[in-house]
PDB file of N, CA and C in Angstrom:
ATOM      1  N   MET A   1      -1.634  -3.565  12.356  1.00  0.00           N
ATOM      2  CA  MET A   1      -0.603  -4.358  11.694  1.00  0.00           C
ATOM      3  C   MET A   1       0.720  -3.592  11.815  1.00  0.00           C
ATOM      4  N   PRO A   2       1.786  -4.267  12.172  1.00  0.00           N
ATOM      5  CA  PRO A   2       3.091  -3.608  12.296  1.00  0.00           C
ATOM      6  C   PRO A   2       3.546  -2.986  10.973  1.00  0.00           C
ATOM      7  N   LYS A   3       4.269  -1.869  11.095  1.00  0.00           N
ATOM      8  CA  LYS A   3       4.733  -1.151   9.908  1.00  0.00           C
ATOM      9  C   LYS A   3       5.598  -2.029   9.011  1.00  0.00           C
ATOM     10  N   ARG A   4       6.408  -2.885   9.619  1.00  0.00           N
ATOM     11  CA  ARG A   4       7.289  -3.746   8.823  1.00  0.00           C
ATOM     12  C   ARG A   4       6.471  -4.655   7.902  1.00  0.00           C
ATOM     13  N   ASN A   5       5.387  -5.233   8.439  1.00  0.00           N
ATOM     14  CA  ASN A   5       4.514  -6.081   7.629  1.00  0.00           C
ATOM     15  C   ASN A   5       3.849  -5.280   6.520  1.00  0.00           C
ATOM     16  N   LEU A   6       3.403  -4.080   6.854  1.00  0.00           N
ATOM     17  CA  LEU A   6       2.772  -3.225   5.843  1.00  0.00           C
ATOM     18  C   LEU A   6       3.750  -2.891   4.723  1.00  0.00           C
ATOM     19  N   LEU A   7       4.986  -2.591   5.079  1.00  0.00           N
ATOM     20  CA  LEU A   7       5.981  -2.266   4.050  1.00  0.00           C
ATOM     21  C   LEU A   7       6.215  -3.451   3.114  1.00  0.00           C
ATOM     22  N   THR A   8       6.238  -4.646   3.666  1.00  0.00           N
ATOM     23  CA  THR A   8       6.403  -5.845   2.845  1.00  0.00           C
ATOM     24  C   THR A   8       5.223  -6.013   1.900  1.00  0.00           C
ATOM     25  N   LEU A   9       4.017  -5.852   2.437  1.00  0.00           N
ATOM     26  CA  LEU A   9       2.814  -5.968   1.603  1.00  0.00           C
ATOM     27  C   LEU A   9       2.764  -4.885   0.531  1.00  0.00           C
ATOM     28  N   ILE A  10       3.177  -3.679   0.883  1.00  0.00           N
ATOM     29  CA  ILE A  10       3.194  -2.576  -0.084  1.00  0.00           C
ATOM     30  C   ILE A  10       4.146  -2.890  -1.228  1.00  0.00           C
ATOM     31  N   GLU A  11       5.323  -3.373  -0.895  1.00  0.00           N
ATOM     32  CA  GLU A  11       6.296  -3.690  -1.945  1.00  0.00           C
ATOM     33  C   GLU A  11       5.787  -4.813  -2.840  1.00  0.00           C
ATOM     34  N   GLN A  12       5.170  -5.821  -2.258  1.00  0.00           N
ATOM     35  CA  GLN A  12       4.612  -6.920  -3.056  1.00  0.00           C
ATOM     36  C   GLN A  12       3.501  -6.415  -3.976  1.00  0.00           C
ATOM     37  N   LYS A  13       2.657  -5.536  -3.458  1.00  0.00           N
ATOM     38  CA  LYS A  13       1.548  -5.005  -4.254  1.00  0.00           C
ATOM     39  C   LYS A  13       2.073  -4.099  -5.368  1.00  0.00           C
ATOM     40  N   ARG A  14       3.139  -3.351  -5.098  1.00  0.00           N
ATOM     41  CA  ARG A  14       3.747  -2.519  -6.152  1.00  0.00           C
ATOM     42  C   ARG A  14       4.260  -3.392  -7.297  1.00  0.00           C
ATOM     43  N   MET A  15       4.919  -4.472  -6.931  1.00  0.00           N
ATOM     44  CA  MET A  15       5.425  -5.383  -7.968  1.00  0.00           C
ATOM     45  C   MET A  15       4.272  -6.001  -8.747  1.00  0.00           C
ATOM     46  N   GLU A  16       3.203  -6.351  -8.045  1.00  0.00           N
ATOM     47  CA  GLU A  16       2.021  -6.895  -8.716  1.00  0.00           C
ATOM     48  C   GLU A  16       1.425  -5.869  -9.674  1.00  0.00           C
ATOM     49  N   LEU A  17       1.397  -4.623  -9.264  1.00  0.00           N
ATOM     50  CA  LEU A  17       0.857  -3.568 -10.122  1.00  0.00           C
ATOM     51  C   LEU A  17       1.707  -3.393 -11.376  1.00  0.00           C
ATOM     52  N   VAL A  18       3.010  -3.390 -11.217  1.00  0.00           N
ATOM     53  CA  VAL A  18       3.904  -3.264 -12.373  1.00  0.00           C
ATOM     54  C   VAL A  18       3.673  -4.408 -13.354  1.00  0.00           C
ATOM     55  N   ASP A  19       3.578  -5.618 -12.835  1.00  0.00           N
ATOM     56  CA  ASP A  19       3.330  -6.787 -13.686  1.00  0.00           C
ATOM     57  C   ASP A  19       1.977  -6.693 -14.376  1.00  0.00           C
ATOM     58  N   THR A  20       0.968  -6.294 -13.623  1.00  0.00           N
ATOM     59  CA  THR A  20      -0.382  -6.194 -14.182  1.00  0.00           C
ATOM     60  C   THR A  20      -0.447  -5.155 -15.281  1.00  0.00           C
ATOM     61  N   VAL A  21       0.178  -4.010 -15.059  1.00  0.00           N
ATOM     62  CA  VAL A  21       0.199  -2.949 -16.071  1.00  0.00           C
ATOM     63  C   VAL A  21       0.929  -3.421 -17.323  1.00  0.00           C
ATOM     64  N   ALA A  22       2.036  -4.127 -17.136  1.00  0.00           N
ATOM     65  CA  ALA A  22       2.789  -4.629 -18.289  1.00  0.00           C
ATOM     66  C   ALA A  22       1.963  -5.610 -19.117  1.00  0.00           C
ATOM     67  N   LYS A  23       1.122  -6.386 -18.444  1.00  0.00           N
ATOM     68  CA  LYS A  23       0.336  -7.404 -19.144  1.00  0.00           C
ATOM     69  C   LYS A  23      -0.982  -6.887 -19.702  1.00  0.00           C
ATOM     70  N   THR A  24      -1.630  -5.978 -18.949  1.00  0.00           N
ATOM     71  CA  THR A  24      -2.998  -5.602 -19.322  1.00  0.00           C
ATOM     72  C   THR A  24      -3.177  -4.137 -19.691  1.00  0.00           C
ATOM     73  N   GLY A  25      -2.153  -3.322 -19.443  1.00  0.00           N
ATOM     74  CA  GLY A  25      -2.250  -1.899 -19.756  1.00  0.00           C
ATOM     75  C   GLY A  25      -2.579  -1.071 -18.529  1.00  0.00           C
ATOM     76  N   LEU A  26      -2.213   0.195 -18.603  1.00  0.00           N
ATOM     77  CA  LEU A  26      -2.340   1.100 -17.471  1.00  0.00           C
ATOM     78  C   LEU A  26      -3.791   1.340 -17.056  1.00  0.00           C
ATOM     79  N   ASN A  27      -4.684   1.406 -18.014  1.00  0.00           N
ATOM     80  CA  ASN A  27      -6.077   1.731 -17.721  1.00  0.00           C
ATOM     81  C   ASN A  27      -6.993   0.512 -17.657  1.00  0.00           C
ATOM     82  N   SER A  28      -6.416  -0.663 -17.575  1.00  0.00           N
ATOM     83  CA  SER A  28      -7.236  -1.873 -17.527  1.00  0.00           C
ATOM     84  C   SER A  28      -7.949  -1.985 -16.184  1.00  0.00           C
ATOM     85  N   GLU A  29      -9.025  -2.732 -16.184  1.00  0.00           N
ATOM     86  CA  GLU A  29      -9.774  -2.967 -14.948  1.00  0.00           C
ATOM     87  C   GLU A  29      -8.901  -3.667 -13.912  1.00  0.00           C
ATOM     88  N   ALA A  30      -8.085  -4.607 -14.366  1.00  0.00           N
ATOM     89  CA  ALA A  30      -7.202  -5.337 -13.453  1.00  0.00           C
ATOM     90  C   ALA A  30      -6.180  -4.394 -12.807  1.00  0.00           C
ATOM     91  N   ALA A  31      -5.606  -3.494 -13.598  1.00  0.00           N
ATOM     92  CA  ALA A  31      -4.630  -2.542 -13.062  1.00  0.00           C
ATOM     93  C   ALA A  31      -5.290  -1.590 -12.069  1.00  0.00           C
ATOM     94  N   MET A  32      -6.497  -1.160 -12.362  1.00  0.00           N
ATOM     95  CA  MET A  32      -7.222  -0.271 -11.454  1.00  0.00           C
ATOM     96  C   MET A  32      -7.498  -0.971 -10.119  1.00  0.00           C
ATOM     97  N   LYS A  33      -7.850  -2.234 -10.178  1.00  0.00           N
ATOM     98  CA  LYS A  33      -8.131  -3.007  -8.966  1.00  0.00           C
ATOM     99  C   LYS A  33      -6.878  -3.110  -8.094  1.00  0.00           C
ATOM    100  N   VAL A  34      -5.769  -3.463  -8.706  1.00  0.00           N
ATOM    101  CA  VAL A  34      -4.516  -3.608  -7.952  1.00  0.00           C
ATOM    102  C   VAL A  34      -4.071  -2.243  -7.414  1.00  0.00           C
ATOM    103  N   SER A  35      -4.264  -1.201  -8.207  1.00  0.00           N
ATOM    104  CA  SER A  35      -3.904   0.140  -7.770  1.00  0.00           C
ATOM    105  C   SER A  35      -4.708   0.552  -6.540  1.00  0.00           C
ATOM    106  N   LYS A  36      -5.985   0.246  -6.519  1.00  0.00           N
ATOM    107  CA  LYS A  36      -6.816   0.560  -5.351  1.00  0.00           C
ATOM    108  C   LYS A  36      -6.373  -0.233  -4.127  1.00  0.00           C
ATOM    109  N   GLU A  37      -5.976  -1.478  -4.349  1.00  0.00           N
ATOM    110  CA  GLU A  37      -5.475  -2.292  -3.240  1.00  0.00           C
ATOM    111  C   GLU A  37      -4.186  -1.687  -2.674  1.00  0.00           C
ATOM    112  N   LEU A  38      -3.326  -1.218  -3.560  1.00  0.00           N
ATOM    113  CA  LEU A  38      -2.093  -0.560  -3.130  1.00  0.00           C
ATOM    114  C   LEU A  38      -2.413   0.716  -2.352  1.00  0.00           C
ATOM    115  N   ASP A  39      -3.364   1.493  -2.842  1.00  0.00           N
ATOM    116  CA  ASP A  39      -3.782   2.708  -2.134  1.00  0.00           C
ATOM    117  C   ASP A  39      -4.247   2.386  -0.716  1.00  0.00           C
ATOM    118  N   THR A  40      -5.001   1.322  -0.571  1.00  0.00           N
ATOM    119  CA  THR A  40      -5.498   0.914   0.745  1.00  0.00           C
ATOM    120  C   THR A  40      -4.342   0.589   1.682  1.00  0.00           C
ATOM    121  N   LEU A  41      -3.355  -0.125   1.183  1.00  0.00           N
ATOM    122  CA  LEU A  41      -2.176  -0.450   2.000  1.00  0.00           C
ATOM    123  C   LEU A  41      -1.389   0.803   2.367  1.00  0.00           C
ATOM    124  N   LEU A  42      -1.218   1.709   1.417  1.00  0.00           N
ATOM    125  CA  LEU A  42      -0.496   2.951   1.689  1.00  0.00           C
ATOM    126  C   LEU A  42      -1.228   3.795   2.727  1.00  0.00           C
ATOM    127  N   ASN A  43      -2.545   3.842   2.637  1.00  0.00           N
ATOM    128  CA  ASN A  43      -3.331   4.584   3.625  1.00  0.00           C
ATOM    129  C   ASN A  43      -3.200   3.956   5.015  1.00  0.00           C
ATOM    130  N   ALA A  44      -3.198   2.636   5.079  1.00  0.00           N
ATOM    131  CA  ALA A  44      -3.031   1.946   6.356  1.00  0.00           C
ATOM    132  C   ALA A  44      -1.660   2.260   6.953  1.00  0.00           C
ATOM    133  N   TYR A  45      -0.641   2.294   6.117  1.00  0.00           N
ATOM    134  CA  TYR A  45       0.709   2.613   6.574  1.00  0.00           C
ATOM    135  C   TYR A  45       0.755   4.038   7.127  1.00  0.00           C
ATOM    136  N   GLN A  46       0.136   4.952   6.418  1.00  0.00           N
ATOM    137  CA  GLN A  46       0.122   6.344   6.861  1.00  0.00           C
ATOM    138  C   GLN A  46      -0.635   6.487   8.187  1.00  0.00           C
ATOM    139  N   ARG A  47      -1.763   5.800   8.327  1.00  0.00           N
ATOM    140  CA  ARG A  47      -2.513   5.834   9.587  1.00  0.00           C
ATOM    141  C   ARG A  47      -1.665   5.295  10.736  1.00  0.00           C
ATOM    142  N   GLU A  48      -0.915   4.242  10.482  1.00  0.00           N
ATOM    143  CA  GLU A  48      -0.048   3.660  11.505  1.00  0.00           C
ATOM    144  C   GLU A  48       1.038   4.647  11.921  1.00  0.00           C
ATOM    145  N   GLN A  49       1.598   5.367  10.964  1.00  0.00           N
ATOM    146  CA  GLN A  49       2.613   6.368  11.288  1.00  0.00           C
ATOM    147  C   GLN A  49       2.030   7.463  12.169  1.00  0.00           C
ATOM    148  N   VAL A  50       0.850   7.939  11.828  1.00  0.00           N
ATOM    149  CA  VAL A  50       0.191   8.986  12.615  1.00  0.00           C
ATOM    150  C   VAL A  50      -0.094   8.475  14.022  1.00  0.00           C
ATOM    151  N   ARG A  51      -0.583   7.248  14.125  1.00  0.00           N
ATOM    152  CA  ARG A  51      -0.878   6.663  15.428  1.00  0.00           C
ATOM    153  C   ARG A  51       0.380   6.586  16.289  1.00  0.00           C
ATOM    154  N   GLN A  52       1.475   6.165  15.688  1.00  0.00           N
ATOM    155  CA  GLN A  52       2.728   6.049  16.448  1.00  0.00           C
ATOM    156  C   GLN A  52       3.254   7.414  16.872  1.00  0.00           C
ATOM    157  N   ARG A  53       3.102   8.422  16.005  1.00  0.00           N
ATOM    158  CA  ARG A  53       3.547   9.774  16.369  1.00  0.00           C
ATOM    159  C   ARG A  53       2.729  10.304  17.538  1.00  0.00           C
ATOM    160  N   LYS A  54       1.417  10.077  17.501  1.00  0.00           N
ATOM    161  CA  LYS A  54       0.565  10.539  18.601  1.00  0.00           C
ATOM    162  C   LYS A  54       0.934   9.818  19.887  1.00  0.00           C
ATOM    163  N   GLN A  55       1.203   8.536  19.784  1.00  0.00           N
ATOM    164  CA  GLN A  55       1.573   7.736  20.937  1.00  0.00           C
ATOM    165  C   GLN A  55       2.899   8.235  21.524  1.00  0.00           C
ATOM    166  N   SER A  56       3.860   8.561  20.666  1.00  0.00           N
ATOM    167  CA  SER A  56       5.154   9.056  21.130  1.00  0.00           C
ATOM    168  C   SER A  56       5.021  10.435  21.763  1.00  0.00           C
ATOM    169  N   ALA A  57       4.156  11.266  21.204  1.00  0.00           N
ATOM    170  CA  ALA A  57       3.971  12.612  21.707  1.00  0.00           C
ATOM    171  C   ALA A  57       3.289  12.623  23.071  1.00  0.00           C
ATOM    172  N   SER A  58       2.489  11.619  23.343  1.00  0.00           N
ATOM    173  CA  SER A  58       1.747  11.584  24.612  1.00  0.00           C
ATOM    174  C   SER A  58       2.576  11.013  25.764  1.00  0.00           C
ATOM    175  N   ARG A  59       3.769  10.564  25.476  1.00  0.00           N
ATOM    176  CA  ARG A  59       4.631   9.990  26.528  1.00  0.00           C
ATOM    177  C   ARG A  59       5.363  11.056  27.270  1.00  0.00           C
TER     178      ARG A  59
END
């Protein structure tokens, strides 16, 4: 997935997390679920950055 798309999804998930925490509390099951989803997106973004750096270095 392109980095630009990931950044958009990350920002949307961050906003969702803020809203969820405001409604259900920081330690709620719903907040934990959204937080894990955000972590997954952040990890995907980081993997994409590493992949692009390796690709640039091999040129």
